[in-house]
Amino acid sequence: MKKALFKSLAILNRALLPSLTKRGVDLSKASKWQLLLFGYRLWVTKNALD
């Protein structure tokens, strides 16, 4: 159940949220909201793969 939820969230993230790596955002110079978005996407991906 939990894994299916995170897999669907990962699919929604890929479709709706901007990709920071494709934009070439440097994480050392990223703004607070960009770091928050990166952390959220990383958290969802980590839980979807477990």
PDB file of N, CA and C in Angstrom:
ATOM      1  N   MET A   1       0.827  -1.191   0.000  1.00  0.00           N
ATOM      2  CA  MET A   1       0.000   0.000   0.000  1.00  0.00           C
ATOM      3  C   MET A   1       0.870   1.253   0.000  1.00  0.00           C
ATOM      4  N   LYS A   2       1.831   1.315   0.926  1.00  0.00           N
ATOM      5  CA  LYS A   2       2.689   2.494   1.043  1.00  0.00           C
ATOM      6  C   LYS A   2       3.537   2.670  -0.220  1.00  0.00           C
ATOM      7  N   LYS A   3       4.064   1.562  -0.735  1.00  0.00           N
ATOM      8  CA  LYS A   3       4.908   1.630  -1.923  1.00  0.00           C
ATOM      9  C   LYS A   3       4.097   2.083  -3.134  1.00  0.00           C
ATOM     10  N   ALA A   4       2.881   1.622  -3.261  1.00  0.00           N
ATOM     11  CA  ALA A   4       2.023   2.022  -4.387  1.00  0.00           C
ATOM     12  C   ALA A   4       1.696   3.510  -4.309  1.00  0.00           C
ATOM     13  N   LEU A   5       1.490   4.013  -3.100  1.00  0.00           N
ATOM     14  CA  LEU A   5       1.219   5.442  -2.921  1.00  0.00           C
ATOM     15  C   LEU A   5       2.413   6.284  -3.372  1.00  0.00           C
ATOM     16  N   PHE A   6       3.607   5.891  -2.970  1.00  0.00           N
ATOM     17  CA  PHE A   6       4.794   6.652  -3.339  1.00  0.00           C
ATOM     18  C   PHE A   6       5.118   6.513  -4.823  1.00  0.00           C
ATOM     19  N   LYS A   7       4.812   5.376  -5.419  1.00  0.00           N
ATOM     20  CA  LYS A   7       5.011   5.221  -6.867  1.00  0.00           C
ATOM     21  C   LYS A   7       4.087   6.160  -7.639  1.00  0.00           C
ATOM     22  N   SER A   8       2.845   6.271  -7.199  1.00  0.00           N
ATOM     23  CA  SER A   8       1.922   7.186  -7.876  1.00  0.00           C
ATOM     24  C   SER A   8       2.328   8.635  -7.652  1.00  0.00           C
ATOM     25  N   LEU A   9       2.832   8.960  -6.454  1.00  0.00           N
ATOM     26  CA  LEU A   9       3.349  10.307  -6.201  1.00  0.00           C
ATOM     27  C   LEU A   9       4.549  10.622  -7.079  1.00  0.00           C
ATOM     28  N   ALA A  10       5.405   9.642  -7.304  1.00  0.00           N
ATOM     29  CA  ALA A  10       6.571   9.840  -8.156  1.00  0.00           C
ATOM     30  C   ALA A  10       6.149  10.116  -9.599  1.00  0.00           C
ATOM     31  N   ILE A  11       5.129   9.440 -10.057  1.00  0.00           N
ATOM     32  CA  ILE A  11       4.623   9.674 -11.415  1.00  0.00           C
ATOM     33  C   ILE A  11       4.030  11.077 -11.520  1.00  0.00           C
ATOM     34  N   LEU A  12       3.279  11.491 -10.513  1.00  0.00           N
ATOM     35  CA  LEU A  12       2.720  12.847 -10.505  1.00  0.00           C
ATOM     36  C   LEU A  12       3.817  13.903 -10.439  1.00  0.00           C
ATOM     37  N   ASN A  13       4.851  13.655  -9.645  1.00  0.00           N
ATOM     38  CA  ASN A  13       5.962  14.597  -9.555  1.00  0.00           C
ATOM     39  C   ASN A  13       6.637  14.779 -10.904  1.00  0.00           C
ATOM     40  N   ARG A  14       6.855  13.679 -11.602  1.00  0.00           N
ATOM     41  CA  ARG A  14       7.513  13.734 -12.893  1.00  0.00           C
ATOM     42  C   ARG A  14       6.679  14.526 -13.893  1.00  0.00           C
ATOM     43  N   ALA A  15       5.358  14.412 -13.795  1.00  0.00           N
ATOM     44  CA  ALA A  15       4.480  15.078 -14.755  1.00  0.00           C
ATOM     45  C   ALA A  15       4.233  16.548 -14.412  1.00  0.00           C
ATOM     46  N   LEU A  16       4.152  16.880 -13.125  1.00  0.00           N
ATOM     47  CA  LEU A  16       3.705  18.212 -12.734  1.00  0.00           C
ATOM     48  C   LEU A  16       4.809  19.166 -12.266  1.00  0.00           C
ATOM     49  N   LEU A  17       5.805  18.646 -11.578  1.00  0.00           N
ATOM     50  CA  LEU A  17       6.819  19.519 -10.992  1.00  0.00           C
ATOM     51  C   LEU A  17       7.994  19.720 -11.942  1.00  0.00           C
ATOM     52  N   PRO A  18       8.630  20.887 -11.869  1.00  0.00           N
ATOM     53  CA  PRO A  18       9.761  21.143 -12.764  1.00  0.00           C
ATOM     54  C   PRO A  18      10.986  20.320 -12.382  1.00  0.00           C
ATOM     55  N   SER A  19      11.762  19.948 -13.387  1.00  0.00           N
ATOM     56  CA  SER A  19      13.001  19.216 -13.155  1.00  0.00           C
ATOM     57  C   SER A  19      14.133  20.218 -12.969  1.00  0.00           C
ATOM     58  N   LEU A  20      14.763  20.175 -11.818  1.00  0.00           N
ATOM     59  CA  LEU A  20      15.832  21.132 -11.530  1.00  0.00           C
ATOM     60  C   LEU A  20      17.112  20.781 -12.260  1.00  0.00           C
ATOM     61  N   THR A  21      17.338  19.506 -12.516  1.00  0.00           N
ATOM     62  CA  THR A  21      18.567  19.121 -13.211  1.00  0.00           C
ATOM     63  C   THR A  21      18.510  19.486 -14.689  1.00  0.00           C
ATOM     64  N   LYS A  22      17.339  19.411 -15.288  1.00  0.00           N
ATOM     65  CA  LYS A  22      17.207  19.806 -16.689  1.00  0.00           C
ATOM     66  C   LYS A  22      17.371  21.315 -16.854  1.00  0.00           C
ATOM     67  N   ARG A  23      17.024  22.065 -15.827  1.00  0.00           N
ATOM     68  CA  ARG A  23      17.197  23.515 -15.860  1.00  0.00           C
ATOM     69  C   ARG A  23      18.631  23.929 -15.545  1.00  0.00           C
ATOM     70  N   GLY A  24      19.432  22.991 -15.072  1.00  0.00           N
ATOM     71  CA  GLY A  24      20.820  23.286 -14.764  1.00  0.00           C
ATOM     72  C   GLY A  24      21.009  24.059 -13.472  1.00  0.00           C
ATOM     73  N   VAL A  25      20.135  23.837 -12.498  1.00  0.00           N
ATOM     74  CA  VAL A  25      20.220  24.536 -11.214  1.00  0.00           C
ATOM     75  C   VAL A  25      21.367  23.961 -10.395  1.00  0.00           C
ATOM     76  N   ASP A  26      22.266  24.819  -9.947  1.00  0.00           N
ATOM     77  CA  ASP A  26      23.359  24.416  -9.075  1.00  0.00           C
ATOM     78  C   ASP A  26      22.827  24.388  -7.641  1.00  0.00           C
ATOM     79  N   LEU A  27      22.932  23.242  -6.979  1.00  0.00           N
ATOM     80  CA  LEU A  27      22.346  23.116  -5.635  1.00  0.00           C
ATOM     81  C   LEU A  27      23.021  24.008  -4.602  1.00  0.00           C
ATOM     82  N   SER A  28      24.267  24.375  -4.835  1.00  0.00           N
ATOM     83  CA  SER A  28      24.928  25.259  -3.885  1.00  0.00           C
ATOM     84  C   SER A  28      24.421  26.698  -4.012  1.00  0.00           C
ATOM     85  N   LYS A  29      23.779  27.021  -5.136  1.00  0.00           N
ATOM     86  CA  LYS A  29      23.259  28.369  -5.361  1.00  0.00           C
ATOM     87  C   LYS A  29      21.739  28.394  -5.461  1.00  0.00           C
ATOM     88  N   ALA A  30      21.100  27.296  -5.131  1.00  0.00           N
ATOM     89  CA  ALA A  30      19.650  27.194  -5.255  1.00  0.00           C
ATOM     90  C   ALA A  30      18.957  27.975  -4.147  1.00  0.00           C
ATOM     91  N   SER A  31      17.756  28.451  -4.467  1.00  0.00           N
ATOM     92  CA  SER A  31      16.961  29.164  -3.471  1.00  0.00           C
ATOM     93  C   SER A  31      16.332  28.162  -2.500  1.00  0.00           C
ATOM     94  N   LYS A  32      15.697  28.675  -1.469  1.00  0.00           N
ATOM     95  CA  LYS A  32      15.096  27.808  -0.440  1.00  0.00           C
ATOM     96  C   LYS A  32      13.989  26.932  -1.016  1.00  0.00           C
ATOM     97  N   TRP A  33      13.140  27.501  -1.888  1.00  0.00           N
ATOM     98  CA  TRP A  33      12.053  26.689  -2.438  1.00  0.00           C
ATOM     99  C   TRP A  33      12.587  25.631  -3.386  1.00  0.00           C
ATOM    100  N   GLN A  34      13.683  25.904  -4.092  1.00  0.00           N
ATOM    101  CA  GLN A  34      14.281  24.905  -4.969  1.00  0.00           C
ATOM    102  C   GLN A  34      14.867  23.757  -4.154  1.00  0.00           C
ATOM    103  N   LEU A  35      15.503  24.084  -3.028  1.00  0.00           N
ATOM    104  CA  LEU A  35      16.035  23.043  -2.150  1.00  0.00           C
ATOM    105  C   LEU A  35      14.905  22.213  -1.533  1.00  0.00           C
ATOM    106  N   LEU A  36      13.821  22.869  -1.183  1.00  0.00           N
ATOM    107  CA  LEU A  36      12.657  22.166  -0.643  1.00  0.00           C
ATOM    108  C   LEU A  36      12.070  21.226  -1.688  1.00  0.00           C
ATOM    109  N   LEU A  37      11.937  21.698  -2.910  1.00  0.00           N
ATOM    110  CA  LEU A  37      11.418  20.877  -3.994  1.00  0.00           C
ATOM    111  C   LEU A  37      12.341  19.694  -4.274  1.00  0.00           C
ATOM    112  N   PHE A  38      13.634  19.924  -4.287  1.00  0.00           N
ATOM    113  CA  PHE A  38      14.606  18.852  -4.502  1.00  0.00           C
ATOM    114  C   PHE A  38      14.512  17.809  -3.397  1.00  0.00           C
ATOM    115  N   GLY A  39      14.440  18.260  -2.152  1.00  0.00           N
ATOM    116  CA  GLY A  39      14.329  17.344  -1.016  1.00  0.00           C
ATOM    117  C   GLY A  39      13.052  16.525  -1.053  1.00  0.00           C
ATOM    118  N   TYR A  40      11.953  17.154  -1.420  1.00  0.00           N
ATOM    119  CA  TYR A  40      10.671  16.449  -1.509  1.00  0.00           C
ATOM    120  C   TYR A  40      10.715  15.375  -2.589  1.00  0.00           C
ATOM    121  N   ARG A  41      11.244  15.726  -3.760  1.00  0.00           N
ATOM    122  CA  ARG A  41      11.318  14.750  -4.850  1.00  0.00           C
ATOM    123  C   ARG A  41      12.251  13.599  -4.487  1.00  0.00           C
ATOM    124  N   LEU A  42      13.337  13.909  -3.797  1.00  0.00           N
ATOM    125  CA  LEU A  42      14.262  12.868  -3.360  1.00  0.00           C
ATOM    126  C   LEU A  42      13.602  11.937  -2.347  1.00  0.00           C
ATOM    127  N   TRP A  43      12.854  12.492  -1.410  1.00  0.00           N
ATOM    128  CA  TRP A  43      12.157  11.706  -0.394  1.00  0.00           C
ATOM    129  C   TRP A  43      11.128  10.768  -1.035  1.00  0.00           C
ATOM    130  N   VAL A  44      10.363  11.285  -1.993  1.00  0.00           N
ATOM    131  CA  VAL A  44       9.355  10.462  -2.659  1.00  0.00           C
ATOM    132  C   VAL A  44      10.024   9.356  -3.455  1.00  0.00           C
ATOM    133  N   THR A  45      11.099   9.680  -4.177  1.00  0.00           N
ATOM    134  CA  THR A  45      11.802   8.679  -4.970  1.00  0.00           C
ATOM    135  C   THR A  45      12.391   7.590  -4.095  1.00  0.00           C
ATOM    136  N   LYS A  46      13.004   7.986  -2.973  1.00  0.00           N
ATOM    137  CA  LYS A  46      13.592   7.014  -2.043  1.00  0.00           C
ATOM    138  C   LYS A  46      12.523   6.056  -1.509  1.00  0.00           C
ATOM    139  N   ASN A  47      11.380   6.570  -1.154  1.00  0.00           N
ATOM    140  CA  ASN A  47      10.324   5.708  -0.615  1.00  0.00           C
ATOM    141  C   ASN A  47       9.653   4.870  -1.695  1.00  0.00           C
ATOM    142  N   ALA A  48       9.651   5.345  -2.924  1.00  0.00           N
ATOM    143  CA  ALA A  48       9.058   4.566  -4.017  1.00  0.00           C
ATOM    144  C   ALA A  48       9.953   3.378  -4.387  1.00  0.00           C
ATOM    145  N   LEU A  49      11.253   3.507  -4.170  1.00  0.00           N
ATOM    146  CA  LEU A  49      12.189   2.444  -4.540  1.00  0.00           C
ATOM    147  C   LEU A  49      12.365   1.395  -3.448  1.00  0.00           C
ATOM    148  N   ASP A  50      12.024   1.709  -2.223  1.00  0.00           N
ATOM    149  CA  ASP A  50      12.204   0.743  -1.127  1.00  0.00           C
ATOM    150  C   ASP A  50      11.324  -0.465  -1.243  1.00  0.00           C
TER     151      ASP A  50
END
